[in-house]
Amino acid sequence: MKLSAVIESYIGFKQGLGMRLDSQATMLRAFGRALKDIEMARVKPSAVQAFFDSKRPVTANLRNYFSVINNFYRYAVSRGFATAIPLPTTLPKIPPPAVPYIYTVENLRSLLIATDVLKTRRCPWRGREFRTFLLLLYGTGLRFGEAVSLTLHDVDLTTAVITVRNGKNFKSRLVPIGPKLTQELVEYAKGRRDRQPRSLGNDSAFFVNSRGARWKSRATHTYFRIVCRRAGIIRKGDSHCRQPRLHDLRHTAAQHRLEAWYQEGKDVQRMLPQLATFLGHRDIAQLQYYLHMTPELLRAASQRFEGYAQP
């Protein structure tokens, strides 16, 4: 049986169990193309090793590939499509996960100003659109995939509530938005309506390109790197894959909210479950990944402690 056929069988099996499997499916299909879609019985460990050797530079994504392909082969062996798992026994040393970049308020201002670099004669509105997109990510803490998956029906600007239907683990949630962000989205929606009159159905994407299609991941991340360079926001000495990311706006939103609660004298421990729910986490434990000990947080916590010690 062909490798591609077994891959599609595995993807269908997992999706039938309720799993989304989007990125994993992409990885497996890339694996099948790299091995020239040969018969399963002809897949040699040396060919699989060559596939992993081609993944340079070595990043955490290599570990993801290994896990996905390993799970695929366990399925293949259990169904009789393969007799063994031809994966390498060792992998190159994976570098530690990238530390999220927490943007300062000045960084955020610089990013918003730098979006003008995206304006072109053909797409004079692109800079303003991208500015709105950055404000949405920071103001709501949405994941990138959640933001680009929004439809016109999901963004209710009358009640100032966004419905996230494409969340992680298939979870949906309601995300309230403040008046300033609402006004930004209202202005964007008006320009979008005038520019794309054919893409006004409720199921149409909220963020659309010049062809009326949903924003593409690669293009959007490329635009963000251009904006970062114009704003001068880089990590000196770090590789390309460890530069500030769009996803770091989600980390920044959570961090700034925590710092604000400390400064406002709120009961932070009581508020953390609310922040976890707002970000779409199943429990407070998942929130820990988004909270970091920054100088600003240390200063706010120190001021809180001084208030208790010296009322």
Protein backbone atom coordinates (compact mmCIF):
# COMPACT_ATOMS: atom_id res chain seq x y z
CA MET A 1 0.00 0.00 0.00
CA LYS A 2 1.27 3.47 -0.88
CA LEU A 3 2.62 5.69 1.88
CA SER A 4 0.22 8.53 0.95
CA ALA A 5 -2.80 6.21 1.20
CA VAL A 6 -1.84 5.09 4.71
CA ILE A 7 -1.22 8.71 5.72
CA GLU A 8 -4.70 9.72 4.53
CA SER A 9 -6.18 6.71 6.33
CA TYR A 10 -4.49 7.78 9.56
CA ILE A 11 -5.62 11.40 9.17
CA GLY A 12 -9.21 10.29 8.56
CA PHE A 13 -9.06 7.97 11.56
CA LYS A 14 -7.86 10.74 13.89
CA GLN A 15 -10.35 13.27 12.57
CA GLY A 16 -13.10 10.71 13.07
CA LEU A 17 -12.15 10.75 16.76
CA GLY A 18 -12.78 14.49 16.88
CA MET A 19 -9.20 15.69 16.46
CA ARG A 20 -8.46 18.66 14.22
CA LEU A 21 -5.00 17.43 13.16
CA ASP A 22 -4.32 20.39 10.82
CA SER A 23 -0.60 20.90 11.44
CA GLN A 24 0.02 17.17 11.93
CA ALA A 25 -1.63 16.42 8.60
CA THR A 26 0.62 18.98 6.90
CA MET A 27 3.70 17.36 8.46
CA LEU A 28 2.68 13.86 7.44
CA ARG A 29 1.93 14.86 3.86
CA ALA A 30 5.29 16.61 3.65
CA PHE A 31 6.89 13.40 4.93
CA GLY A 32 5.10 11.40 2.24
CA ARG A 33 6.22 13.78 -0.53
CA ALA A 34 9.82 13.70 0.69
CA LEU A 35 9.88 9.89 0.49
CA LYS A 36 8.41 10.00 -3.05
CA ASP A 37 5.20 8.24 -1.97
CA ILE A 38 6.67 4.75 -2.18
CA GLU A 39 5.15 1.53 -0.94
CA MET A 40 5.03 1.30 2.87
CA ALA A 41 7.09 -1.89 2.82
CA ARG A 42 9.90 -0.11 0.95
CA VAL A 43 10.38 2.71 3.48
CA LYS A 44 13.89 2.26 4.84
CA PRO A 45 15.28 3.67 8.11
CA SER A 46 18.00 5.40 6.08
CA ALA A 47 15.37 7.31 4.07
CA VAL A 48 13.60 8.40 7.25
CA GLN A 49 16.94 9.44 8.75
CA ALA A 50 17.68 11.49 5.64
CA PHE A 51 14.31 13.21 6.03
CA PHE A 52 15.13 14.27 9.59
CA ASP A 53 18.64 15.31 8.55
CA SER A 54 17.08 17.68 6.02
CA LYS A 55 15.37 19.63 8.80
CA ARG A 56 18.01 22.30 9.32
CA PRO A 57 18.49 24.33 11.36
CA VAL A 58 17.49 22.10 14.25
CA THR A 59 14.51 23.59 16.09
CA ALA A 60 11.78 22.37 18.41
CA ASN A 61 9.77 21.65 15.25
CA LEU A 62 12.00 18.62 14.68
CA ARG A 63 10.69 17.09 17.89
CA ASN A 64 7.14 17.71 16.68
CA TYR A 65 7.89 15.93 13.40
CA PHE A 66 9.36 12.99 15.28
CA SER A 67 6.32 12.68 17.55
CA VAL A 68 3.82 12.96 14.67
CA ILE A 69 5.59 10.41 12.48
CA ASN A 70 6.09 8.06 15.41
CA ASN A 71 2.35 8.12 16.19
CA PHE A 72 1.59 7.53 12.52
CA TYR A 73 3.82 4.47 12.41
CA ARG A 74 2.33 3.06 15.60
CA TYR A 75 -1.03 3.25 13.84
CA ALA A 76 0.43 1.67 10.68
CA VAL A 77 1.94 -1.24 12.64
CA SER A 78 -1.27 -1.84 14.57
CA ARG A 79 -3.23 -2.02 11.29
CA GLY A 80 -0.72 -4.27 9.55
CA PHE A 81 0.46 -1.62 7.06
CA ALA A 82 4.01 -1.82 8.43
CA THR A 83 6.00 -4.35 10.44
CA ALA A 84 8.35 -1.95 12.25
CA ILE A 85 8.86 1.72 13.07
CA PRO A 86 11.82 2.96 10.97
CA LEU A 87 12.52 6.10 13.00
CA PRO A 88 16.03 7.02 14.22
CA THR A 89 16.80 6.06 17.81
CA THR A 90 18.37 9.45 18.59
CA LEU A 91 17.75 13.01 17.52
CA PRO A 92 20.08 16.02 17.45
CA LYS A 93 20.06 18.10 20.60
CA ILE A 94 17.01 20.34 20.48
CA PRO A 95 17.63 23.93 21.61
CA PRO A 96 15.57 25.14 24.57
CA PRO A 97 12.21 26.76 23.78
CA ALA A 98 12.35 30.39 22.75
CA VAL A 99 11.65 32.84 25.55
CA PRO A 100 8.58 34.91 24.63
CA TYR A 101 9.28 38.53 23.79
CA ILE A 102 7.28 40.79 26.12
CA TYR A 103 6.65 44.03 24.25
CA THR A 104 6.85 47.26 26.20
CA VAL A 105 4.27 49.98 25.72
CA GLU A 106 6.83 51.86 23.63
CA ASN A 107 7.40 48.74 21.52
CA LEU A 108 3.70 48.51 20.85
CA ARG A 109 3.49 52.16 19.83
CA SER A 110 6.45 51.68 17.50
CA LEU A 111 4.82 48.61 15.93
CA LEU A 112 1.57 50.45 15.27
CA ILE A 113 3.40 53.37 13.66
CA ALA A 114 5.60 51.04 11.60
CA THR A 115 2.60 49.36 9.94
CA ASP A 116 2.67 52.25 7.44
CA VAL A 117 5.56 50.45 5.75
CA LEU A 118 3.05 47.94 4.38
CA LYS A 119 1.18 50.53 2.32
CA THR A 120 1.63 50.20 -1.42
CA ARG A 121 0.10 51.92 -4.41
CA ARG A 122 -1.95 48.81 -5.13
CA CYS A 123 -2.94 48.21 -1.47
CA PRO A 124 -2.91 51.59 0.32
CA TRP A 125 -5.12 50.20 3.09
CA ARG A 126 -2.84 47.30 4.09
CA GLY A 127 -0.97 49.24 6.76
CA ARG A 128 -4.14 50.37 8.51
CA GLU A 129 -5.58 46.85 8.34
CA PHE A 130 -2.47 45.34 9.87
CA ARG A 131 -2.55 47.96 12.61
CA THR A 132 -6.09 46.87 13.46
CA PHE A 133 -4.98 43.23 13.46
CA LEU A 134 -2.17 43.94 15.95
CA LEU A 135 -4.55 45.87 18.19
CA LEU A 136 -6.98 42.95 18.12
CA LEU A 137 -4.30 40.43 19.11
CA TYR A 138 -3.07 42.60 21.97
CA GLY A 139 -6.49 43.79 23.11
CA THR A 140 -8.08 40.32 23.23
CA GLY A 141 -5.15 37.92 23.66
CA LEU A 142 -6.47 35.82 20.77
CA ARG A 143 -4.24 33.19 19.23
CA PHE A 144 -3.15 33.93 15.68
CA GLY A 145 -5.26 31.10 14.25
CA GLU A 146 -8.30 32.27 16.19
CA ALA A 147 -7.96 35.82 14.88
CA VAL A 148 -7.58 34.95 11.18
CA SER A 149 -10.44 32.44 11.46
CA LEU A 150 -12.95 35.07 12.60
CA THR A 151 -15.93 35.68 10.34
CA LEU A 152 -18.16 38.72 10.06
CA HIS A 153 -20.76 36.84 12.10
CA ASP A 154 -18.25 36.23 14.91
CA VAL A 155 -17.45 39.92 15.44
CA ASP A 156 -20.51 41.57 16.97
CA LEU A 157 -19.63 45.24 17.12
CA THR A 158 -23.06 46.20 18.49
CA THR A 159 -22.63 44.27 21.72
CA ALA A 160 -18.79 44.50 21.59
CA VAL A 161 -18.33 40.74 21.89
CA ILE A 162 -16.26 38.39 19.75
CA THR A 163 -17.22 34.74 19.44
CA VAL A 164 -14.21 32.47 19.06
CA ARG A 165 -15.42 29.29 17.35
CA ASN A 166 -12.09 27.91 16.18
CA GLY A 167 -10.31 27.77 19.53
CA LYS A 168 -7.77 25.26 20.73
CA ASN A 169 -9.18 21.81 21.53
CA PHE A 170 -12.39 22.79 19.67
CA LYS A 171 -13.43 25.08 22.54
CA SER A 172 -15.58 28.12 21.84
CA ARG A 173 -15.72 31.22 24.02
CA LEU A 174 -17.00 34.79 24.15
CA VAL A 175 -14.42 37.57 24.34
CA PRO A 176 -15.59 41.08 25.34
CA ILE A 177 -13.78 44.02 23.75
CA GLY A 178 -13.29 47.53 25.09
CA PRO A 179 -14.69 50.72 23.54
CA LYS A 180 -11.42 51.85 21.92
CA LEU A 181 -10.80 48.51 20.25
CA THR A 182 -14.46 48.34 19.22
CA GLN A 183 -14.14 51.69 17.46
CA GLU A 184 -11.01 50.49 15.65
CA LEU A 185 -12.86 47.39 14.47
CA VAL A 186 -15.88 49.45 13.39
CA GLU A 187 -13.65 51.63 11.19
CA TYR A 188 -11.90 48.57 9.76
CA ALA A 189 -15.25 46.85 9.06
CA LYS A 190 -16.50 49.92 7.20
CA GLY A 191 -13.39 50.04 5.00
CA ARG A 192 -13.60 46.30 4.43
CA ARG A 193 -17.25 46.57 3.40
CA ASP A 194 -16.50 49.35 0.90
CA ARG A 195 -13.48 47.54 -0.52
CA GLN A 196 -14.88 43.99 -0.66
CA PRO A 197 -18.63 44.28 -1.36
CA ARG A 198 -18.69 40.69 -2.66
CA SER A 199 -17.42 39.23 0.63
CA LEU A 200 -20.17 40.34 2.98
CA GLY A 201 -21.82 37.03 3.87
CA ASN A 202 -21.90 36.09 7.55
CA ASP A 203 -19.43 33.30 6.87
CA SER A 204 -16.95 35.59 5.12
CA ALA A 205 -13.61 36.08 6.84
CA PHE A 206 -13.33 39.23 8.93
CA PHE A 207 -9.76 39.84 7.75
CA VAL A 208 -9.54 39.49 3.97
CA ASN A 209 -6.80 40.21 1.47
CA SER A 210 -7.11 42.14 -1.80
CA ARG A 211 -8.75 39.10 -3.44
CA GLY A 212 -11.39 38.78 -0.74
CA ALA A 213 -9.82 35.62 0.74
CA ARG A 214 -8.86 34.89 4.32
CA TRP A 215 -5.40 36.07 5.38
CA LYS A 216 -2.68 33.48 4.80
CA SER A 217 -0.39 32.52 7.66
CA ARG A 218 2.89 32.84 5.76
CA ALA A 219 2.11 36.25 4.28
CA THR A 220 0.87 37.62 7.61
CA HIS A 221 3.99 36.52 9.48
CA THR A 222 6.15 37.98 6.69
CA TYR A 223 4.38 41.33 7.04
CA PHE A 224 4.98 41.22 10.79
CA ARG A 225 8.73 40.69 10.33
CA ILE A 226 8.79 43.67 7.97
CA VAL A 227 6.98 45.82 10.55
CA CYS A 228 9.34 44.67 13.33
CA ARG A 229 12.39 45.61 11.28
CA ARG A 230 10.94 49.04 10.54
CA ALA A 231 10.16 49.52 14.26
CA GLY A 232 13.65 48.35 15.25
CA ILE A 233 12.28 45.51 17.40
CA ILE A 234 14.77 42.68 17.14
CA ARG A 235 16.66 40.31 19.40
CA LYS A 236 20.32 40.97 18.74
CA GLY A 237 22.41 37.86 18.33
CA ASP A 238 19.41 35.54 18.06
CA SER A 239 18.61 33.46 15.02
CA HIS A 240 15.72 34.18 12.68
CA CYS A 241 13.45 31.66 14.43
CA ARG A 242 13.92 33.34 17.84
CA GLN A 243 12.93 36.85 16.82
CA PRO A 244 9.79 38.53 18.27
CA ARG A 245 6.63 36.81 17.08
CA LEU A 246 2.99 37.66 16.58
CA HIS A 247 2.14 35.06 19.25
CA ASP A 248 4.18 37.08 21.73
CA LEU A 249 1.41 39.70 21.67
CA ARG A 250 -0.73 37.12 23.48
CA HIS A 251 1.97 36.70 26.12
CA THR A 252 2.26 40.48 26.39
CA ALA A 253 -1.49 40.94 26.82
CA ALA A 254 -1.54 38.47 29.74
CA GLN A 255 1.58 39.98 31.30
CA HIS A 256 0.35 43.57 31.09
CA ARG A 257 -2.99 42.60 32.58
CA LEU A 258 -1.25 40.97 35.54
CA GLU A 259 0.94 44.03 36.10
CA ALA A 260 -2.11 46.32 35.91
CA TRP A 261 -3.92 44.28 38.56
CA TYR A 262 -0.96 44.57 40.89
CA GLN A 263 -0.80 48.32 40.35
CA GLU A 264 -4.56 48.67 40.91
CA GLY A 265 -4.38 46.72 44.17
CA LYS A 266 -6.58 43.88 42.91
CA ASP A 267 -6.65 40.42 44.46
CA VAL A 268 -4.49 38.84 41.76
CA GLN A 269 -4.93 35.24 42.93
CA ARG A 270 -8.69 35.59 42.68
CA MET A 271 -8.45 37.20 39.24
CA LEU A 272 -6.18 34.61 37.63
CA PRO A 273 -8.99 32.12 36.86
CA GLN A 274 -10.80 34.92 35.02
CA LEU A 275 -7.70 35.63 32.93
CA ALA A 276 -7.35 31.92 32.15
CA THR A 277 -10.97 31.81 30.94
CA PHE A 278 -10.51 35.00 28.91
CA LEU A 279 -7.52 33.46 27.10
CA GLY A 280 -9.35 30.20 26.45
CA HIS A 281 -7.42 27.93 28.82
CA ARG A 282 -8.96 24.86 30.37
CA ASP A 283 -7.49 25.60 33.81
CA ILE A 284 -5.21 28.01 35.61
CA ALA A 285 -2.21 25.69 35.22
CA GLN A 286 -2.05 26.44 31.49
CA LEU A 287 -1.84 30.15 32.30
CA GLN A 288 1.59 29.76 33.89
CA TYR A 289 3.21 29.52 30.47
CA TYR A 290 2.02 33.06 29.68
CA LEU A 291 3.17 34.76 32.89
CA HIS A 292 6.79 35.85 33.21
CA MET A 293 8.84 37.55 35.89
CA THR A 294 9.66 40.89 34.29
CA PRO A 295 11.18 43.99 35.92
CA GLU A 296 7.79 45.69 35.69
CA LEU A 297 6.07 42.82 37.47
CA LEU A 298 8.76 42.69 40.15
CA ARG A 299 8.37 46.42 40.72
CA ALA A 300 4.57 46.16 40.99
CA ALA A 301 4.82 43.21 43.38
CA SER A 302 7.41 45.04 45.46
CA GLN A 303 5.16 48.09 45.73
CA ARG A 304 2.30 45.82 46.79
CA PHE A 305 4.47 44.25 49.49
CA GLU A 306 5.61 47.67 50.74
CA GLY A 307 1.97 48.65 51.06
CA TYR A 308 1.36 45.67 53.34
CA ALA A 309 4.58 46.09 55.32
CA GLN A 310 4.31 49.86 55.78
CA PRO A 311 0.65 50.84 55.60
